[in-house]
Every structure is written in structure tokens, then in C-alpha cells.
């Protein structure tokens, strides 16, 4: 009897697999950890994208309000040289636009044209600036009967000084070009208001409201 009991005990021990279920538990525990890691990674990616967009904005951001306006001296389509120094004591509306005779730029220019009397009644001088040539400006001005000078900044020195040139999104792609911007410079040569990345519709009304505060 003792001899028969020994094999039975051995079989009983063989039926107990020590670590068979343990790996299964570990695997089931790792799965949620992996999912959690992926979920945690998503916000980081979104944050990185937001940071990238912020860097793009910062690299091409306009001058802060209250800052000293960078001096400029540029040729206009009226045959004159126009400068910041020549308008001491006079508010200047300086707006940068991408290109002559394009849809958004035409609407913006015509809005300034149609409201020039109101702007002048506040004592302001209006200048449009782009990198286009004076010849291009002359055609644009004549075609739409624009009643204020368009200045040519072909080397982009003034654009860059005012933060109106840099990276921007166009048709879903990041490109480098003119950032539609407007600056209201007070009579002391300081930036009273700055509008980086202008939306054309209603913009002139916003400029008029800012002029009333001077």
C-alpha cells in the first residue's frame, strides 16, 4: 500500500502547474497599460502641434502695442517718398497686404478708399504697403480709383521690421509670405494699436474705433 501511494502523490504534484496562470494575468494587466500610454500620448501630440503653431505665430508676430514704430522711408505710386518722420504729430494707418489686385487685397483697399474721408476726419494718413513694384501699384490704384498712396517695399525691410513677413498657413500648407497686418501709429511715433493677421471684413471699422481713442 505504501508503494502505491507514492506514485499517486507524484501525479497530484504534477497536476499543479505553478506559473501557468500568472503570465496570463500579467498579459491582461499590460494591455490597459499600453492603451493608457496611447491615450496619454495623444494629448502630448496635440500639445506639440499647438506649440508649433504658437511658434509660427511668435516668429511672425507683429510689434506690440506701445512699442516704438520702426522708421520707414519708401517710394509711393504717387512719385513721392513717404516716411514716418514726415508725419510727426499725425496718426498713421499703415497696412500691409500680400498682393495687388487679388480678391482679399482689393476688398481691403476699397474699404479704406470708401472710408478715407472718415479716417481723415480723425486726422489720420493712410498707407498701403506690399512688395509689389510701383508699376503694379499704379495699375492697381488706377483700376480701383484708390485715393491714398501705395508704398513699395520690394526688399521687405519694412515688412520684417513690423513683423509683417513670416510663416503662415495657406490652403493647408505652411508658406512664407506677407502677413496681412495693420498698425495705427500715434503722433509720437508709437504703436497705438496693432492688428496682426487681419480679417478683411469689418477691419476698417475697427481702425476707426481705435482712432477715436487717440
N, C-alpha and C. Protein backbone atom coordinates (compact mmCIF):
# COMPACT_ATOMS: atom_id res chain seq x y z
N UNK A 1 0.83 -1.21 0.00
CA UNK A 1 0.00 0.00 0.00
C UNK A 1 0.86 1.26 0.00
N UNK A 2 1.90 1.25 0.75
CA UNK A 2 2.78 2.43 0.81
C UNK A 2 3.41 2.68 -0.55
N UNK A 3 3.76 1.57 -1.24
CA UNK A 3 4.39 1.70 -2.57
C UNK A 3 3.43 2.32 -3.57
N UNK A 4 2.13 1.99 -3.49
CA UNK A 4 1.13 2.53 -4.42
C UNK A 4 0.82 4.00 -4.15
N UNK A 5 0.89 4.42 -2.92
CA UNK A 5 0.58 5.80 -2.57
C UNK A 5 1.62 6.79 -3.10
N UNK A 6 2.85 6.38 -3.19
CA UNK A 6 3.91 7.30 -3.63
C UNK A 6 3.71 7.79 -5.06
N UNK A 7 3.39 6.90 -6.03
CA UNK A 7 3.14 7.42 -7.38
C UNK A 7 1.95 8.35 -7.43
N UNK A 8 0.89 8.02 -6.62
CA UNK A 8 -0.31 8.89 -6.61
C UNK A 8 0.05 10.29 -6.17
N UNK A 9 0.88 10.40 -5.15
CA UNK A 9 1.30 11.72 -4.67
C UNK A 9 2.09 12.46 -5.74
N UNK A 10 2.89 11.71 -6.49
CA UNK A 10 3.68 12.34 -7.55
C UNK A 10 2.79 12.89 -8.64
N UNK A 11 1.71 12.13 -8.99
CA UNK A 11 0.78 12.59 -10.01
C UNK A 11 0.05 13.84 -9.56
N UNK A 12 -0.29 13.88 -8.27
CA UNK A 12 -1.00 15.05 -7.74
C UNK A 12 -0.15 16.30 -7.86
N UNK A 13 1.13 16.15 -7.58
CA UNK A 13 2.05 17.29 -7.67
C UNK A 13 2.21 17.74 -9.12
N UNK A 14 2.21 16.78 -10.03
CA UNK A 14 2.40 17.11 -11.45
C UNK A 14 1.21 17.87 -12.01
N UNK A 15 0.02 17.67 -11.43
CA UNK A 15 -1.18 18.36 -11.91
C UNK A 15 -1.24 19.82 -11.51
N UNK A 16 -0.40 20.24 -10.63
CA UNK A 16 -0.45 21.64 -10.16
C UNK A 16 0.62 22.44 -10.92
N UNK A 17 0.26 23.09 -11.99
CA UNK A 17 1.24 23.92 -12.72
C UNK A 17 1.42 25.25 -12.01
N UNK A 18 2.56 25.49 -11.52
CA UNK A 18 2.78 26.68 -10.69
C UNK A 18 2.54 28.00 -11.43
N UNK A 19 3.25 28.32 -12.48
CA UNK A 19 3.14 29.68 -13.01
C UNK A 19 2.31 29.80 -14.30
N UNK A 20 1.41 28.81 -14.57
CA UNK A 20 0.68 28.85 -15.85
C UNK A 20 -0.24 30.06 -15.93
N UNK A 21 -1.01 30.35 -14.89
CA UNK A 21 -1.98 31.45 -14.91
C UNK A 21 -1.35 32.82 -14.66
N UNK A 22 -0.20 32.83 -14.05
CA UNK A 22 0.45 34.11 -13.72
C UNK A 22 0.79 34.93 -14.95
N UNK A 23 1.36 34.31 -16.01
CA UNK A 23 1.64 35.12 -17.19
C UNK A 23 0.38 35.68 -17.83
N UNK A 24 -0.73 34.87 -17.76
CA UNK A 24 -1.99 35.35 -18.34
C UNK A 24 -2.45 36.61 -17.63
N UNK A 25 -2.33 36.66 -16.31
CA UNK A 25 -2.71 37.84 -15.54
C UNK A 25 -1.83 39.03 -15.88
N UNK A 26 -0.54 38.73 -16.06
CA UNK A 26 0.39 39.82 -16.39
C UNK A 26 0.07 40.40 -17.75
N UNK A 27 -0.29 39.50 -18.70
CA UNK A 27 -0.63 39.98 -20.04
C UNK A 27 -1.86 40.85 -20.01
N UNK A 28 -2.89 40.40 -19.23
CA UNK A 28 -4.11 41.20 -19.15
C UNK A 28 -3.88 42.51 -18.45
N UNK A 29 -2.90 42.55 -17.55
CA UNK A 29 -2.59 43.79 -16.86
C UNK A 29 -1.82 44.75 -17.75
N UNK A 30 -1.02 44.23 -18.69
CA UNK A 30 -0.23 45.08 -19.55
C UNK A 30 -1.07 45.77 -20.61
N UNK A 31 -2.15 45.08 -21.02
CA UNK A 31 -2.99 45.64 -22.10
C UNK A 31 -3.54 47.01 -21.76
N UNK A 32 -4.20 47.18 -20.56
CA UNK A 32 -4.67 48.51 -20.26
C UNK A 32 -3.56 49.54 -20.12
N UNK A 33 -2.38 49.06 -19.65
CA UNK A 33 -1.26 49.99 -19.51
C UNK A 33 -0.86 50.55 -20.87
N UNK A 34 -0.82 49.65 -21.89
CA UNK A 34 -0.48 50.08 -23.23
C UNK A 34 -1.51 51.05 -23.79
N UNK A 35 -2.82 50.75 -23.56
CA UNK A 35 -3.89 51.63 -24.03
C UNK A 35 -3.81 52.99 -23.36
N UNK A 36 -3.54 52.95 -22.02
CA UNK A 36 -3.41 54.20 -21.28
C UNK A 36 -2.26 55.03 -21.81
N UNK A 37 -1.16 54.34 -22.13
CA UNK A 37 0.00 55.06 -22.66
C UNK A 37 -0.33 55.75 -23.96
N UNK A 38 -1.13 55.02 -24.81
CA UNK A 38 -1.51 55.63 -26.08
C UNK A 38 -2.41 56.82 -25.86
N UNK A 39 -3.35 56.70 -24.90
CA UNK A 39 -4.25 57.81 -24.60
C UNK A 39 -3.49 59.01 -24.07
N UNK A 40 -2.47 58.72 -23.26
CA UNK A 40 -1.67 59.81 -22.71
C UNK A 40 -0.82 60.45 -23.79
N UNK A 41 -0.42 59.65 -24.78
CA UNK A 41 0.42 60.19 -25.84
C UNK A 41 -0.33 61.15 -26.73
N UNK A 42 -1.66 60.94 -26.90
CA UNK A 42 -2.46 61.79 -27.78
C UNK A 42 -2.45 63.25 -27.36
N UNK A 43 -2.73 63.56 -26.06
CA UNK A 43 -2.67 64.96 -25.66
C UNK A 43 -1.31 65.58 -25.86
N UNK A 44 -0.24 64.77 -25.69
CA UNK A 44 1.10 65.31 -25.88
C UNK A 44 1.30 65.73 -27.32
N UNK A 45 0.78 64.89 -28.25
CA UNK A 45 0.90 65.21 -29.67
C UNK A 45 0.13 66.48 -29.99
N UNK A 46 -1.10 66.59 -29.45
CA UNK A 46 -1.91 67.79 -29.67
C UNK A 46 -1.22 69.01 -29.10
N UNK A 47 -0.61 68.84 -27.93
CA UNK A 47 0.11 69.96 -27.30
C UNK A 47 1.29 70.39 -28.16
N UNK A 48 1.98 69.40 -28.72
CA UNK A 48 3.12 69.70 -29.57
C UNK A 48 2.69 70.48 -30.81
N UNK A 49 1.54 70.10 -31.37
CA UNK A 49 1.03 70.80 -32.55
C UNK A 49 0.66 72.24 -32.20
N UNK A 50 0.03 72.40 -31.04
CA UNK A 50 -0.33 73.75 -30.60
C UNK A 50 0.92 74.59 -30.38
N UNK A 51 1.94 73.97 -29.80
CA UNK A 51 3.19 74.69 -29.55
C UNK A 51 3.84 75.10 -30.87
N UNK A 52 3.76 74.20 -31.87
CA UNK A 52 4.34 74.52 -33.18
C UNK A 52 3.63 75.69 -33.81
N UNK A 53 2.28 75.69 -33.71
CA UNK A 53 1.51 76.81 -34.25
C UNK A 53 1.84 78.10 -33.51
N UNK A 54 2.03 77.99 -32.19
CA UNK A 54 2.36 79.17 -31.39
C UNK A 54 3.71 79.72 -31.80
N UNK A 55 4.67 78.80 -32.11
CA UNK A 55 5.99 79.25 -32.52
C UNK A 55 5.93 79.96 -33.86
N UNK A 56 5.08 79.43 -34.76
CA UNK A 56 4.92 80.07 -36.06
C UNK A 56 4.38 81.47 -35.87
N UNK A 57 3.34 81.58 -35.00
CA UNK A 57 2.76 82.89 -34.73
C UNK A 57 3.75 83.83 -34.10
N UNK A 58 4.56 83.28 -33.16
CA UNK A 58 5.51 84.13 -32.46
C UNK A 58 6.61 84.62 -33.39
N UNK A 59 7.04 83.72 -34.31
CA UNK A 59 8.13 84.10 -35.19
C UNK A 59 7.73 85.19 -36.17
N UNK A 60 6.39 85.30 -36.43
CA UNK A 60 5.94 86.29 -37.39
C UNK A 60 5.00 87.29 -36.75
N UNK A 61 5.05 87.37 -35.42
CA UNK A 61 4.11 88.24 -34.73
C UNK A 61 4.45 89.70 -34.95
N UNK A 62 3.43 90.51 -34.91
CA UNK A 62 3.60 91.94 -35.15
C UNK A 62 4.16 92.63 -33.91
N UNK A 63 4.51 93.88 -34.07
CA UNK A 63 5.03 94.67 -32.95
C UNK A 63 3.96 94.83 -31.88
N UNK A 64 4.38 94.86 -30.65
CA UNK A 64 3.45 95.02 -29.55
C UNK A 64 2.95 96.45 -29.47
N UNK A 65 1.73 96.61 -29.00
CA UNK A 65 1.18 97.94 -28.81
C UNK A 65 1.97 98.69 -27.75
N UNK A 66 2.27 99.95 -28.02
CA UNK A 66 3.08 100.75 -27.11
C UNK A 66 4.54 100.80 -27.52
N UNK A 67 4.94 99.89 -28.42
CA UNK A 67 6.33 99.88 -28.88
C UNK A 67 6.58 101.05 -29.83
N UNK A 68 7.83 101.41 -29.97
CA UNK A 68 8.21 102.47 -30.90
C UNK A 68 8.10 101.93 -32.32
N UNK A 69 7.42 102.66 -33.18
CA UNK A 69 7.26 102.21 -34.57
C UNK A 69 8.59 102.31 -35.30
N UNK A 70 9.01 101.26 -35.99
CA UNK A 70 10.25 101.32 -36.76
C UNK A 70 10.16 102.40 -37.85
N UNK A 71 11.21 103.17 -38.03
CA UNK A 71 11.18 104.21 -39.07
C UNK A 71 11.12 103.57 -40.45
N UNK A 72 10.52 104.26 -41.39
CA UNK A 72 10.49 103.79 -42.77
C UNK A 72 10.57 104.98 -43.71
N UNK A 73 11.05 104.73 -44.90
CA UNK A 73 11.09 105.72 -45.97
C UNK A 73 10.99 104.95 -47.27
N UNK A 74 9.81 105.01 -47.90
CA UNK A 74 9.53 104.17 -49.07
C UNK A 74 8.93 105.00 -50.21
N UNK A 75 9.19 104.56 -51.44
CA UNK A 75 8.59 105.25 -52.59
C UNK A 75 7.12 104.88 -52.73
N UNK A 76 6.33 105.86 -53.13
CA UNK A 76 4.91 105.62 -53.35
C UNK A 76 4.56 105.70 -54.82
N UNK A 77 3.39 105.18 -55.17
CA UNK A 77 2.97 105.21 -56.57
C UNK A 77 2.59 106.61 -57.03
N UNK A 78 2.63 107.57 -56.12
CA UNK A 78 2.35 108.97 -56.48
C UNK A 78 3.63 109.72 -56.83
N UNK A 79 4.75 109.00 -56.89
CA UNK A 79 6.03 109.61 -57.26
C UNK A 79 6.76 110.26 -56.10
N UNK A 80 6.26 110.12 -54.89
CA UNK A 80 6.88 110.74 -53.71
C UNK A 80 7.50 109.68 -52.81
N UNK A 81 8.41 110.15 -51.95
CA UNK A 81 8.96 109.30 -50.90
C UNK A 81 8.20 109.60 -49.61
N UNK A 82 7.72 108.56 -48.97
CA UNK A 82 6.92 108.73 -47.76
C UNK A 82 7.66 108.12 -46.57
N UNK A 83 7.69 108.86 -45.47
CA UNK A 83 8.44 108.39 -44.31
C UNK A 83 7.64 108.62 -43.02
N UNK A 84 8.03 107.87 -42.00
CA UNK A 84 7.41 108.03 -40.68
C UNK A 84 7.76 109.41 -40.11
N UNK A 85 9.00 109.83 -40.31
CA UNK A 85 9.47 111.09 -39.74
C UNK A 85 8.70 112.30 -40.27
N UNK A 86 8.17 112.17 -41.49
CA UNK A 86 7.46 113.30 -42.10
C UNK A 86 6.08 113.53 -41.50
N UNK A 87 5.63 112.61 -40.66
CA UNK A 87 4.28 112.72 -40.12
C UNK A 87 4.25 112.83 -38.59
N UNK A 88 5.24 113.49 -38.05
CA UNK A 88 5.25 113.69 -36.60
C UNK A 88 4.04 114.53 -36.18
N UNK A 89 3.33 114.04 -35.19
CA UNK A 89 2.12 114.72 -34.73
C UNK A 89 0.87 114.28 -35.46
N UNK A 90 1.02 113.38 -36.44
CA UNK A 90 -0.12 112.91 -37.22
C UNK A 90 -0.27 111.39 -37.10
N UNK A 91 -1.46 110.89 -36.81
CA UNK A 91 -1.66 109.43 -36.77
C UNK A 91 -1.49 108.83 -38.17
N UNK A 92 -0.90 107.66 -38.22
CA UNK A 92 -0.70 106.95 -39.49
C UNK A 92 -1.35 105.57 -39.41
N UNK A 93 -2.14 105.25 -40.43
CA UNK A 93 -2.68 103.90 -40.58
C UNK A 93 -1.80 103.23 -41.63
N UNK A 94 -1.02 102.27 -41.20
CA UNK A 94 -0.07 101.59 -42.07
C UNK A 94 -0.54 100.14 -42.21
N UNK A 95 -0.99 99.78 -43.41
CA UNK A 95 -1.47 98.41 -43.55
C UNK A 95 -0.67 97.66 -44.61
N UNK A 96 -0.28 96.42 -44.25
CA UNK A 96 0.48 95.55 -45.13
C UNK A 96 -0.46 94.53 -45.76
N UNK A 97 -0.34 94.36 -47.07
CA UNK A 97 -1.20 93.40 -47.77
C UNK A 97 -0.35 92.57 -48.72
N UNK A 98 -0.78 91.36 -49.04
CA UNK A 98 0.07 90.45 -49.84
C UNK A 98 0.33 90.85 -51.28
N UNK A 99 -0.75 91.24 -52.03
CA UNK A 99 -0.52 91.42 -53.46
C UNK A 99 -1.59 92.29 -54.09
N UNK A 100 -1.17 93.13 -55.03
CA UNK A 100 -2.10 93.98 -55.77
C UNK A 100 -3.13 93.17 -56.56
N UNK A 101 -4.34 93.73 -56.62
CA UNK A 101 -5.38 93.21 -57.50
C UNK A 101 -5.70 91.74 -57.27
N UNK A 102 -5.68 91.31 -56.02
CA UNK A 102 -6.16 89.97 -55.64
C UNK A 102 -7.41 90.16 -54.79
N UNK A 103 -8.27 89.15 -54.70
CA UNK A 103 -9.59 89.35 -54.07
C UNK A 103 -9.58 90.02 -52.70
N UNK A 104 -8.88 89.41 -51.73
CA UNK A 104 -8.88 89.97 -50.38
C UNK A 104 -8.24 91.34 -50.30
N UNK A 105 -7.14 91.52 -51.04
CA UNK A 105 -6.43 92.80 -51.02
C UNK A 105 -7.25 93.90 -51.69
N UNK A 106 -8.02 93.54 -52.70
CA UNK A 106 -8.86 94.52 -53.38
C UNK A 106 -9.99 94.98 -52.47
N UNK A 107 -10.61 94.03 -51.77
CA UNK A 107 -11.69 94.39 -50.84
C UNK A 107 -11.16 95.31 -49.75
N UNK A 108 -9.99 94.98 -49.22
CA UNK A 108 -9.40 95.78 -48.14
C UNK A 108 -9.08 97.19 -48.63
N UNK A 109 -8.45 97.29 -49.81
CA UNK A 109 -8.08 98.59 -50.36
C UNK A 109 -9.32 99.45 -50.63
N UNK A 110 -10.36 98.83 -51.17
CA UNK A 110 -11.59 99.57 -51.47
C UNK A 110 -12.31 100.01 -50.21
N UNK A 111 -12.20 99.23 -49.14
CA UNK A 111 -12.79 99.64 -47.85
C UNK A 111 -12.08 100.87 -47.30
N UNK A 112 -10.76 100.89 -47.40
CA UNK A 112 -10.03 102.08 -46.98
C UNK A 112 -10.36 103.27 -47.88
N UNK A 113 -10.48 103.01 -49.17
CA UNK A 113 -10.87 104.07 -50.11
C UNK A 113 -12.22 104.67 -49.74
N UNK A 114 -13.20 103.82 -49.51
CA UNK A 114 -14.56 104.29 -49.24
C UNK A 114 -14.70 104.99 -47.90
N UNK A 115 -13.76 104.73 -46.98
CA UNK A 115 -13.84 105.33 -45.65
C UNK A 115 -12.73 106.35 -45.40
N UNK A 116 -12.06 106.77 -46.48
CA UNK A 116 -10.93 107.68 -46.30
C UNK A 116 -11.36 109.02 -45.70
N UNK A 117 -12.51 109.52 -46.08
CA UNK A 117 -12.99 110.80 -45.53
C UNK A 117 -13.16 110.68 -44.01
N UNK A 118 -13.72 109.57 -43.57
CA UNK A 118 -13.90 109.36 -42.13
C UNK A 118 -12.55 109.24 -41.43
N UNK A 119 -11.62 108.55 -42.06
CA UNK A 119 -10.29 108.38 -41.48
C UNK A 119 -9.55 109.71 -41.39
N UNK A 120 -9.67 110.50 -42.46
CA UNK A 120 -9.02 111.81 -42.47
C UNK A 120 -9.66 112.76 -41.46
N UNK A 121 -10.94 112.58 -41.22
CA UNK A 121 -11.62 113.45 -40.24
C UNK A 121 -11.06 113.23 -38.83
N UNK A 122 -10.43 112.07 -38.63
CA UNK A 122 -9.76 111.77 -37.35
C UNK A 122 -8.30 112.20 -37.39
N UNK A 123 -7.91 112.82 -38.52
CA UNK A 123 -6.53 113.33 -38.64
C UNK A 123 -5.54 112.32 -39.15
N UNK A 124 -6.01 111.16 -39.61
CA UNK A 124 -5.09 110.07 -39.99
C UNK A 124 -4.67 110.12 -41.45
N UNK A 125 -3.46 109.61 -41.68
CA UNK A 125 -2.93 109.39 -43.02
C UNK A 125 -2.91 107.88 -43.25
N UNK A 126 -3.29 107.44 -44.45
CA UNK A 126 -3.36 106.00 -44.76
C UNK A 126 -2.32 105.63 -45.80
N UNK A 127 -1.59 104.54 -45.52
CA UNK A 127 -0.64 103.99 -46.49
C UNK A 127 -0.87 102.49 -46.60
N UNK A 128 -0.90 102.00 -47.84
CA UNK A 128 -0.89 100.56 -48.07
C UNK A 128 0.51 100.17 -48.49
N UNK A 129 1.01 99.04 -47.98
CA UNK A 129 2.37 98.59 -48.30
C UNK A 129 2.35 97.14 -48.76
N UNK A 130 3.02 96.86 -49.87
CA UNK A 130 3.25 95.48 -50.29
C UNK A 130 4.62 95.42 -50.96
N UNK A 131 5.03 94.21 -51.35
CA UNK A 131 6.32 94.06 -52.02
C UNK A 131 6.20 94.29 -53.53
N UNK A 132 4.99 94.60 -54.01
CA UNK A 132 4.79 94.84 -55.44
C UNK A 132 5.56 96.06 -55.91
N UNK A 133 5.82 96.11 -57.21
CA UNK A 133 6.54 97.23 -57.80
C UNK A 133 5.64 98.47 -57.89
N UNK A 134 6.25 99.61 -58.10
CA UNK A 134 5.47 100.84 -58.26
C UNK A 134 4.57 100.76 -59.50
N UNK A 135 5.04 100.09 -60.54
CA UNK A 135 4.24 99.92 -61.75
C UNK A 135 2.98 99.12 -61.45
N UNK A 136 3.13 98.06 -60.67
CA UNK A 136 1.98 97.25 -60.27
C UNK A 136 1.02 98.07 -59.42
N UNK A 137 1.59 98.83 -58.47
CA UNK A 137 0.77 99.70 -57.61
C UNK A 137 -0.04 100.70 -58.45
N UNK A 138 0.61 101.28 -59.45
CA UNK A 138 -0.05 102.29 -60.27
C UNK A 138 -1.27 101.70 -61.00
N UNK A 139 -1.10 100.48 -61.51
CA UNK A 139 -2.21 99.81 -62.20
C UNK A 139 -3.35 99.51 -61.21
N UNK A 140 -2.98 99.04 -60.04
CA UNK A 140 -3.97 98.70 -59.00
C UNK A 140 -4.73 99.94 -58.57
N UNK A 141 -4.00 100.99 -58.32
CA UNK A 141 -4.61 102.24 -57.86
C UNK A 141 -5.55 102.82 -58.92
N UNK A 142 -5.10 102.79 -60.19
CA UNK A 142 -5.91 103.34 -61.28
C UNK A 142 -7.17 102.50 -61.51
N UNK A 143 -7.02 101.20 -61.47
CA UNK A 143 -8.15 100.29 -61.73
C UNK A 143 -9.28 100.49 -60.73
N UNK A 144 -8.93 100.74 -59.47
CA UNK A 144 -9.96 100.83 -58.42
C UNK A 144 -10.09 102.24 -57.83
N UNK A 145 -9.51 103.22 -58.51
CA UNK A 145 -9.62 104.62 -58.06
C UNK A 145 -9.24 104.79 -56.59
N UNK A 146 -8.16 104.20 -56.21
CA UNK A 146 -7.71 104.32 -54.82
C UNK A 146 -7.23 105.74 -54.56
N UNK A 147 -7.56 106.26 -53.39
CA UNK A 147 -7.31 107.68 -53.07
C UNK A 147 -6.26 107.87 -51.98
N UNK A 148 -5.37 106.91 -51.83
CA UNK A 148 -4.26 107.02 -50.87
C UNK A 148 -3.05 106.34 -51.48
N UNK A 149 -1.84 106.70 -51.06
CA UNK A 149 -0.62 106.14 -51.67
C UNK A 149 -0.39 104.67 -51.31
N UNK A 150 0.14 103.96 -52.28
CA UNK A 150 0.59 102.58 -52.08
C UNK A 150 2.11 102.59 -52.13
N UNK A 151 2.74 102.08 -51.09
CA UNK A 151 4.20 102.10 -50.98
C UNK A 151 4.80 100.75 -51.38
N UNK A 152 5.97 100.81 -52.01
CA UNK A 152 6.63 99.59 -52.48
C UNK A 152 7.80 99.23 -51.57
N UNK A 153 7.77 98.01 -51.04
CA UNK A 153 8.83 97.53 -50.14
C UNK A 153 9.37 96.22 -50.72
N UNK A 154 10.03 96.34 -51.87
CA UNK A 154 10.46 95.15 -52.61
C UNK A 154 11.50 94.32 -51.86
N UNK A 155 12.34 94.96 -51.06
CA UNK A 155 13.37 94.20 -50.32
C UNK A 155 12.87 93.70 -48.97
N UNK A 156 11.61 94.02 -48.64
CA UNK A 156 10.93 93.50 -47.43
C UNK A 156 11.51 94.00 -46.11
N UNK A 157 12.34 95.01 -46.14
CA UNK A 157 12.95 95.50 -44.91
C UNK A 157 11.90 96.05 -43.94
N UNK A 158 10.94 96.78 -44.46
CA UNK A 158 9.90 97.35 -43.60
C UNK A 158 8.93 96.25 -43.15
N UNK A 159 8.61 95.33 -44.05
CA UNK A 159 7.76 94.19 -43.68
C UNK A 159 8.35 93.46 -42.47
N UNK A 160 9.63 93.15 -42.57
CA UNK A 160 10.28 92.39 -41.50
C UNK A 160 10.37 93.21 -40.21
N UNK A 161 10.61 94.50 -40.34
CA UNK A 161 10.72 95.36 -39.15
C UNK A 161 9.41 95.40 -38.38
N UNK A 162 8.30 95.31 -39.10
CA UNK A 162 6.98 95.36 -38.46
C UNK A 162 6.40 93.97 -38.18
N UNK A 163 7.15 92.93 -38.50
CA UNK A 163 6.65 91.57 -38.28
C UNK A 163 5.56 91.18 -39.25
N UNK A 164 5.54 91.82 -40.42
CA UNK A 164 4.50 91.54 -41.41
C UNK A 164 4.98 90.57 -42.49
N UNK A 165 6.07 89.91 -42.22
CA UNK A 165 6.57 88.88 -43.14
C UNK A 165 6.99 87.68 -42.32
N UNK A 166 6.54 86.50 -42.72
CA UNK A 166 6.90 85.30 -41.97
C UNK A 166 6.09 84.11 -42.41
N UNK A 167 6.03 83.10 -41.57
CA UNK A 167 5.33 81.86 -41.89
C UNK A 167 3.83 82.01 -41.64
N UNK A 168 3.06 81.42 -42.53
CA UNK A 168 1.60 81.46 -42.39
C UNK A 168 1.03 80.24 -43.10
N UNK A 169 -0.23 79.94 -42.81
CA UNK A 169 -0.90 78.81 -43.44
C UNK A 169 -1.68 79.30 -44.65
N UNK A 170 -1.51 78.61 -45.78
CA UNK A 170 -2.25 78.94 -46.99
C UNK A 170 -2.68 77.65 -47.67
N UNK A 171 -3.99 77.47 -47.79
CA UNK A 171 -4.55 76.25 -48.40
C UNK A 171 -4.01 74.99 -47.71
N UNK A 172 -3.89 75.07 -46.39
CA UNK A 172 -3.46 73.91 -45.62
C UNK A 172 -1.96 73.68 -45.59
N UNK A 173 -1.17 74.55 -46.22
CA UNK A 173 0.27 74.40 -46.22
C UNK A 173 0.94 75.61 -45.56
N UNK A 174 2.06 75.35 -44.91
CA UNK A 174 2.81 76.43 -44.30
C UNK A 174 3.73 77.07 -45.34
N UNK A 175 3.56 78.35 -45.55
CA UNK A 175 4.37 79.08 -46.52
C UNK A 175 4.94 80.34 -45.86
N UNK A 176 5.88 80.96 -46.52
CA UNK A 176 6.44 82.22 -46.03
C UNK A 176 5.96 83.33 -46.95
N UNK A 177 5.44 84.38 -46.37
CA UNK A 177 4.94 85.49 -47.18
C UNK A 177 4.47 86.64 -46.32
N UNK A 178 3.75 87.56 -46.95
CA UNK A 178 3.23 88.72 -46.24
C UNK A 178 2.10 88.31 -45.30
N UNK A 179 2.19 88.76 -44.08
CA UNK A 179 1.13 88.54 -43.10
C UNK A 179 0.28 89.80 -43.07
N UNK A 180 -0.96 89.68 -43.49
CA UNK A 180 -1.84 90.85 -43.57
C UNK A 180 -1.94 91.49 -42.19
N UNK A 181 -1.40 92.69 -42.06
CA UNK A 181 -1.31 93.36 -40.76
C UNK A 181 -1.58 94.85 -40.91
N UNK A 182 -2.11 95.44 -39.84
CA UNK A 182 -2.33 96.90 -39.82
C UNK A 182 -1.80 97.47 -38.52
N UNK A 183 -1.22 98.68 -38.60
CA UNK A 183 -0.70 99.35 -37.43
C UNK A 183 -1.22 100.78 -37.40
N UNK A 184 -1.72 101.16 -36.26
CA UNK A 184 -2.11 102.56 -36.04
C UNK A 184 -1.02 103.20 -35.22
N UNK A 185 -0.30 104.12 -35.84
CA UNK A 185 0.83 104.79 -35.19
C UNK A 185 0.37 106.17 -34.73
N UNK A 186 0.61 106.48 -33.48
CA UNK A 186 0.15 107.78 -32.98
C UNK A 186 1.13 108.90 -33.38
N UNK A 187 0.79 110.13 -33.03
CA UNK A 187 1.59 111.29 -33.43
C UNK A 187 2.98 111.32 -32.84
N UNK A 188 3.22 110.51 -31.81
CA UNK A 188 4.55 110.45 -31.18
C UNK A 188 5.39 109.31 -31.75
N UNK A 189 4.85 108.60 -32.71
CA UNK A 189 5.62 107.52 -33.34
C UNK A 189 5.56 106.20 -32.61
N UNK A 190 4.54 106.01 -31.77
CA UNK A 190 4.38 104.74 -31.05
C UNK A 190 3.21 103.95 -31.64
N UNK A 191 3.28 102.62 -31.50
CA UNK A 191 2.19 101.76 -31.98
C UNK A 191 1.02 101.87 -31.01
N UNK A 192 -0.04 102.54 -31.44
CA UNK A 192 -1.22 102.66 -30.59
C UNK A 192 -2.06 101.39 -30.63
N UNK A 193 -2.25 100.84 -31.83
CA UNK A 193 -2.95 99.57 -31.98
C UNK A 193 -2.28 98.75 -33.07
N UNK A 194 -2.28 97.45 -32.88
CA UNK A 194 -1.71 96.54 -33.87
C UNK A 194 -2.71 95.43 -34.17
N UNK A 195 -2.90 95.16 -35.44
CA UNK A 195 -3.79 94.06 -35.87
C UNK A 195 -2.98 93.07 -36.69
N UNK A 196 -2.39 92.06 -36.06
CA UNK A 196 -1.68 91.03 -36.83
C UNK A 196 -2.70 90.06 -37.41
N UNK A 197 -2.44 89.55 -38.59
CA UNK A 197 -3.31 88.56 -39.22
C UNK A 197 -4.74 89.10 -39.36
N UNK A 198 -4.86 90.16 -40.10
CA UNK A 198 -6.13 90.87 -40.28
C UNK A 198 -7.16 90.03 -41.04
N UNK A 199 -8.39 90.09 -40.57
CA UNK A 199 -9.53 89.59 -41.33
C UNK A 199 -10.17 90.82 -41.97
N UNK A 200 -10.30 90.78 -43.29
CA UNK A 200 -10.67 91.98 -44.05
C UNK A 200 -12.03 92.54 -43.66
N UNK A 201 -13.01 91.67 -43.53
CA UNK A 201 -14.37 92.14 -43.29
C UNK A 201 -14.48 92.89 -41.95
N UNK A 202 -14.94 94.13 -42.00
CA UNK A 202 -15.13 94.93 -40.79
C UNK A 202 -13.86 95.53 -40.21
N UNK A 203 -12.74 95.33 -40.90
CA UNK A 203 -11.47 95.79 -40.34
C UNK A 203 -11.38 97.31 -40.24
N UNK A 204 -11.84 98.01 -41.27
CA UNK A 204 -11.74 99.47 -41.27
C UNK A 204 -12.54 100.07 -40.12
N UNK A 205 -13.67 99.47 -39.80
CA UNK A 205 -14.47 99.94 -38.66
C UNK A 205 -13.68 99.85 -37.36
N UNK A 206 -12.93 98.76 -37.22
CA UNK A 206 -12.09 98.58 -36.02
C UNK A 206 -11.00 99.65 -35.97
N UNK A 207 -10.44 100.00 -37.11
CA UNK A 207 -9.41 101.05 -37.17
C UNK A 207 -10.01 102.40 -36.78
N UNK A 208 -11.21 102.68 -37.27
CA UNK A 208 -11.88 103.95 -36.94
C UNK A 208 -12.17 104.04 -35.44
N UNK A 209 -12.59 102.95 -34.84
CA UNK A 209 -12.86 102.93 -33.40
C UNK A 209 -11.58 103.21 -32.61
N UNK A 210 -10.47 102.63 -33.07
CA UNK A 210 -9.18 102.86 -32.38
C UNK A 210 -8.73 104.31 -32.53
N UNK A 211 -9.02 104.91 -33.68
CA UNK A 211 -8.65 106.31 -33.91
C UNK A 211 -9.39 107.25 -32.96
N UNK A 212 -10.60 106.88 -32.60
CA UNK A 212 -11.39 107.70 -31.70
C UNK A 212 -10.77 107.76 -30.31
N UNK A 213 -9.93 106.80 -29.98
CA UNK A 213 -9.30 106.75 -28.66
C UNK A 213 -8.05 107.62 -28.59
N UNK A 214 -7.58 108.09 -29.74
CA UNK A 214 -6.38 108.94 -29.74
C UNK A 214 -6.71 110.39 -29.33
